[in-house]
């Protein structure tokens, strides 16, 4: 399970590196997106109300409640894909 602090470290990295991170979940129509802020999007990259997408859950609780399908990192006109938060942290955040 991802802690609030770990999620803040990922958000900080995305801000410092001008990267956008999108976390896709198994069998779920909404995405947890991190760039300047943490927010919800649909698969067409439209912003969605957090309450509509994830209810009253906090971002780190969302990560603990759903199975991650894939994580897309957009940085410097490159698109990279990882399969887990652990891989994201290992490869990029340290």
N, C-alpha and C. Protein backbone atom coordinates (compact mmCIF):
# COMPACT_ATOMS: atom_id res chain seq x y z
N UNK A 1 0.84 -1.18 0.00
CA UNK A 1 0.00 0.00 0.00
C UNK A 1 0.88 1.25 0.00
N UNK A 2 0.49 2.22 -0.77
CA UNK A 2 1.25 3.46 -0.91
C UNK A 2 0.82 4.44 0.17
N UNK A 3 1.80 5.04 0.82
CA UNK A 3 1.49 6.01 1.86
C UNK A 3 1.31 7.40 1.25
N UNK A 4 0.73 8.28 2.01
CA UNK A 4 0.55 9.66 1.59
C UNK A 4 1.90 10.29 1.27
N UNK A 5 2.90 10.01 2.09
CA UNK A 5 4.24 10.57 1.90
C UNK A 5 4.87 10.08 0.59
N UNK A 6 4.71 8.81 0.28
CA UNK A 6 5.25 8.26 -0.96
C UNK A 6 4.59 8.92 -2.18
N UNK A 7 3.29 9.11 -2.09
CA UNK A 7 2.58 9.77 -3.18
C UNK A 7 3.04 11.22 -3.34
N UNK A 8 3.30 11.89 -2.23
CA UNK A 8 3.83 13.26 -2.30
C UNK A 8 5.20 13.29 -2.96
N UNK A 9 6.04 12.30 -2.70
CA UNK A 9 7.35 12.23 -3.35
C UNK A 9 7.22 12.05 -4.86
N UNK A 10 6.27 11.22 -5.29
CA UNK A 10 6.02 11.03 -6.71
C UNK A 10 5.53 12.33 -7.34
N UNK A 11 4.61 13.02 -6.67
CA UNK A 11 4.10 14.30 -7.16
C UNK A 11 5.22 15.33 -7.25
N UNK A 12 6.07 15.38 -6.24
CA UNK A 12 7.20 16.32 -6.24
C UNK A 12 8.11 16.05 -7.44
N UNK A 13 8.41 14.77 -7.69
CA UNK A 13 9.26 14.41 -8.82
C UNK A 13 8.61 14.85 -10.13
N UNK A 14 7.30 14.65 -10.27
CA UNK A 14 6.63 15.03 -11.52
C UNK A 14 6.68 16.54 -11.73
N UNK A 15 6.55 17.31 -10.67
CA UNK A 15 6.66 18.77 -10.78
C UNK A 15 8.07 19.20 -11.15
N UNK A 16 9.06 18.64 -10.47
CA UNK A 16 10.46 19.03 -10.69
C UNK A 16 10.95 18.64 -12.08
N UNK A 17 10.39 17.59 -12.65
CA UNK A 17 10.83 17.10 -13.95
C UNK A 17 9.85 17.40 -15.08
N UNK A 18 8.85 18.22 -14.78
CA UNK A 18 7.84 18.59 -15.76
C UNK A 18 7.28 17.35 -16.46
N UNK A 19 6.95 16.36 -15.67
CA UNK A 19 6.43 15.10 -16.18
C UNK A 19 4.96 14.96 -15.78
N UNK A 20 4.24 14.23 -16.60
CA UNK A 20 2.85 13.91 -16.26
C UNK A 20 2.77 12.40 -16.08
N UNK A 21 2.19 11.99 -14.97
CA UNK A 21 2.05 10.57 -14.65
C UNK A 21 0.57 10.24 -14.63
N UNK A 22 0.20 9.18 -15.34
CA UNK A 22 -1.19 8.73 -15.35
C UNK A 22 -1.23 7.29 -14.88
N UNK A 23 -2.05 7.04 -13.88
CA UNK A 23 -2.20 5.70 -13.31
C UNK A 23 -3.55 5.14 -13.74
N UNK A 24 -3.51 4.08 -14.53
CA UNK A 24 -4.71 3.42 -15.04
C UNK A 24 -5.01 2.22 -14.14
N UNK A 25 -6.29 2.00 -13.90
CA UNK A 25 -6.72 0.91 -13.03
C UNK A 25 -7.45 -0.17 -13.83
N UNK A 26 -7.36 -1.40 -13.34
CA UNK A 26 -8.06 -2.53 -13.95
C UNK A 26 -9.57 -2.30 -13.90
N UNK A 27 -10.23 -2.42 -15.03
CA UNK A 27 -11.69 -2.38 -15.11
C UNK A 27 -12.28 -1.15 -14.44
N UNK A 28 -11.64 0.02 -14.64
CA UNK A 28 -12.16 1.25 -14.05
C UNK A 28 -12.01 2.38 -15.07
N UNK A 29 -13.05 3.18 -15.27
CA UNK A 29 -13.02 4.16 -16.37
C UNK A 29 -12.28 5.47 -16.08
N UNK A 30 -11.72 5.61 -14.89
CA UNK A 30 -11.05 6.87 -14.55
C UNK A 30 -9.59 6.64 -14.21
N UNK A 31 -8.82 7.69 -14.37
CA UNK A 31 -7.37 7.66 -14.23
C UNK A 31 -6.97 8.63 -13.13
N UNK A 32 -6.01 8.24 -12.31
CA UNK A 32 -5.41 9.16 -11.34
C UNK A 32 -4.22 9.81 -12.05
N UNK A 33 -4.26 11.12 -12.19
CA UNK A 33 -3.21 11.85 -12.93
C UNK A 33 -2.44 12.76 -11.98
N UNK A 34 -1.13 12.81 -12.19
CA UNK A 34 -0.26 13.69 -11.41
C UNK A 34 0.55 14.54 -12.37
N UNK A 35 0.46 15.84 -12.23
CA UNK A 35 1.36 16.75 -12.93
C UNK A 35 1.65 17.88 -11.96
N UNK A 36 1.00 18.99 -12.10
CA UNK A 36 1.15 20.06 -11.10
C UNK A 36 0.34 19.75 -9.84
N UNK A 37 -0.75 19.03 -10.03
CA UNK A 37 -1.63 18.62 -8.93
C UNK A 37 -2.07 17.17 -9.16
N UNK A 38 -2.68 16.60 -8.17
CA UNK A 38 -3.27 15.27 -8.30
C UNK A 38 -4.74 15.48 -8.66
N UNK A 39 -5.17 14.85 -9.75
CA UNK A 39 -6.56 15.00 -10.17
C UNK A 39 -7.03 13.75 -10.91
N UNK A 40 -8.31 13.73 -11.22
CA UNK A 40 -8.92 12.60 -11.93
C UNK A 40 -9.18 12.99 -13.38
N UNK A 41 -8.99 12.01 -14.27
CA UNK A 41 -9.29 12.20 -15.68
C UNK A 41 -10.03 10.96 -16.18
N UNK A 42 -10.71 11.12 -17.33
CA UNK A 42 -11.25 9.95 -17.99
C UNK A 42 -10.24 9.49 -19.04
N UNK A 43 -10.56 8.45 -19.79
CA UNK A 43 -9.60 7.91 -20.76
C UNK A 43 -9.36 8.85 -21.94
N UNK A 44 -10.18 9.86 -22.09
CA UNK A 44 -10.02 10.83 -23.18
C UNK A 44 -9.26 12.07 -22.70
N UNK A 45 -8.65 11.97 -21.53
CA UNK A 45 -7.82 13.02 -20.92
C UNK A 45 -8.61 14.26 -20.52
N UNK A 46 -9.90 14.10 -20.29
CA UNK A 46 -10.72 15.21 -19.79
C UNK A 46 -10.73 15.15 -18.27
N UNK A 47 -10.60 16.31 -17.65
CA UNK A 47 -10.68 16.37 -16.18
C UNK A 47 -12.07 15.96 -15.73
N UNK A 48 -12.10 15.21 -14.65
CA UNK A 48 -13.34 14.72 -14.06
C UNK A 48 -13.31 15.11 -12.58
N UNK A 49 -14.45 15.42 -12.04
CA UNK A 49 -14.54 15.73 -10.62
C UNK A 49 -14.01 14.55 -9.80
N UNK A 50 -13.17 14.86 -8.82
CA UNK A 50 -12.59 13.81 -7.97
C UNK A 50 -13.70 12.99 -7.30
N UNK A 51 -14.70 13.67 -6.78
CA UNK A 51 -15.82 13.00 -6.08
C UNK A 51 -16.54 12.06 -7.04
N UNK A 52 -16.74 12.48 -8.27
CA UNK A 52 -17.41 11.66 -9.26
C UNK A 52 -16.58 10.42 -9.58
N UNK A 53 -15.26 10.59 -9.72
CA UNK A 53 -14.39 9.47 -10.11
C UNK A 53 -14.07 8.53 -8.96
N UNK A 54 -13.74 9.09 -7.79
CA UNK A 54 -13.21 8.27 -6.70
C UNK A 54 -13.94 8.43 -5.36
N UNK A 55 -15.00 9.20 -5.35
CA UNK A 55 -15.76 9.37 -4.11
C UNK A 55 -14.96 10.14 -3.08
N UNK A 56 -15.09 9.75 -1.85
CA UNK A 56 -14.44 10.47 -0.75
C UNK A 56 -13.03 9.96 -0.44
N UNK A 57 -12.54 9.03 -1.24
CA UNK A 57 -11.20 8.48 -0.99
C UNK A 57 -10.12 9.53 -1.27
N UNK A 58 -9.09 9.51 -0.44
CA UNK A 58 -7.92 10.34 -0.69
C UNK A 58 -7.05 9.62 -1.72
N UNK A 59 -6.16 10.36 -2.41
CA UNK A 59 -5.37 9.74 -3.48
C UNK A 59 -4.62 8.47 -3.07
N UNK A 60 -3.98 8.47 -1.92
CA UNK A 60 -3.25 7.27 -1.52
C UNK A 60 -4.20 6.12 -1.20
N UNK A 61 -5.43 6.43 -0.78
CA UNK A 61 -6.42 5.39 -0.54
C UNK A 61 -6.91 4.79 -1.86
N UNK A 62 -7.02 5.62 -2.90
CA UNK A 62 -7.40 5.13 -4.22
C UNK A 62 -6.37 4.10 -4.69
N UNK A 63 -5.09 4.42 -4.51
CA UNK A 63 -4.03 3.50 -4.94
C UNK A 63 -4.09 2.17 -4.19
N UNK A 64 -4.55 2.20 -2.97
CA UNK A 64 -4.68 0.97 -2.20
C UNK A 64 -5.96 0.21 -2.47
N UNK A 65 -6.92 0.85 -3.13
CA UNK A 65 -8.23 0.24 -3.35
C UNK A 65 -8.41 -0.41 -4.71
N UNK A 66 -7.62 -0.01 -5.69
CA UNK A 66 -7.77 -0.51 -7.05
C UNK A 66 -6.50 -1.21 -7.50
N UNK A 67 -6.65 -2.17 -8.40
CA UNK A 67 -5.50 -2.83 -9.01
C UNK A 67 -4.99 -1.96 -10.15
N UNK A 68 -3.69 -1.73 -10.17
CA UNK A 68 -3.10 -0.89 -11.21
C UNK A 68 -2.91 -1.71 -12.48
N UNK A 69 -3.40 -1.19 -13.59
CA UNK A 69 -3.26 -1.82 -14.89
C UNK A 69 -1.93 -1.42 -15.52
N UNK A 70 -1.66 -0.11 -15.52
CA UNK A 70 -0.40 0.42 -16.07
C UNK A 70 -0.23 1.85 -15.62
N UNK A 71 1.01 2.32 -15.73
CA UNK A 71 1.34 3.71 -15.40
C UNK A 71 2.08 4.29 -16.60
N UNK A 72 1.59 5.41 -17.09
CA UNK A 72 2.20 6.09 -18.23
C UNK A 72 2.89 7.35 -17.72
N UNK A 73 4.15 7.54 -18.13
CA UNK A 73 4.91 8.73 -17.76
C UNK A 73 5.22 9.49 -19.04
N UNK A 74 4.78 10.74 -19.11
CA UNK A 74 5.09 11.59 -20.26
C UNK A 74 6.10 12.63 -19.80
N UNK A 75 7.29 12.58 -20.41
CA UNK A 75 8.37 13.47 -20.01
C UNK A 75 9.25 13.77 -21.23
N UNK A 76 9.49 15.06 -21.47
CA UNK A 76 10.37 15.46 -22.59
C UNK A 76 9.96 14.83 -23.91
N UNK A 77 8.67 14.90 -24.22
CA UNK A 77 8.14 14.34 -25.47
C UNK A 77 8.36 12.84 -25.61
N UNK A 78 8.62 12.16 -24.52
CA UNK A 78 8.76 10.70 -24.51
C UNK A 78 7.63 10.12 -23.67
N UNK A 79 7.18 8.96 -24.05
CA UNK A 79 6.14 8.26 -23.30
C UNK A 79 6.72 6.93 -22.85
N UNK A 80 6.73 6.73 -21.55
CA UNK A 80 7.25 5.50 -20.96
C UNK A 80 6.12 4.81 -20.20
N UNK A 81 6.18 3.50 -20.13
CA UNK A 81 5.17 2.74 -19.41
C UNK A 81 5.82 1.82 -18.40
N UNK A 82 5.25 1.80 -17.20
CA UNK A 82 5.66 0.86 -16.17
C UNK A 82 4.42 0.14 -15.67
N UNK A 83 4.62 -0.95 -14.96
CA UNK A 83 3.48 -1.78 -14.52
C UNK A 83 3.08 -1.58 -13.06
N UNK A 84 3.96 -0.92 -12.27
CA UNK A 84 3.64 -0.78 -10.85
C UNK A 84 4.26 0.50 -10.28
N UNK A 85 3.76 0.90 -9.13
CA UNK A 85 4.34 2.06 -8.44
C UNK A 85 5.76 1.76 -7.99
N UNK A 86 6.01 0.52 -7.60
CA UNK A 86 7.36 0.14 -7.17
C UNK A 86 8.36 0.33 -8.32
N UNK A 87 7.96 -0.07 -9.52
CA UNK A 87 8.83 0.10 -10.68
C UNK A 87 9.02 1.58 -11.00
N UNK A 88 7.97 2.37 -10.88
CA UNK A 88 8.07 3.82 -11.09
C UNK A 88 9.08 4.45 -10.14
N UNK A 89 8.95 4.12 -8.86
CA UNK A 89 9.86 4.67 -7.85
C UNK A 89 11.29 4.19 -8.09
N UNK A 90 11.46 2.93 -8.39
CA UNK A 90 12.79 2.36 -8.60
C UNK A 90 13.49 2.99 -9.80
N UNK A 91 12.76 3.18 -10.89
CA UNK A 91 13.36 3.68 -12.13
C UNK A 91 13.54 5.20 -12.16
N UNK A 92 12.65 5.94 -11.48
CA UNK A 92 12.65 7.38 -11.65
C UNK A 92 12.84 8.19 -10.36
N UNK A 93 12.22 7.77 -9.30
CA UNK A 93 12.18 8.58 -8.09
C UNK A 93 13.40 8.33 -7.19
N UNK A 94 13.80 7.10 -7.04
CA UNK A 94 14.92 6.64 -6.21
C UNK A 94 14.57 6.87 -4.77
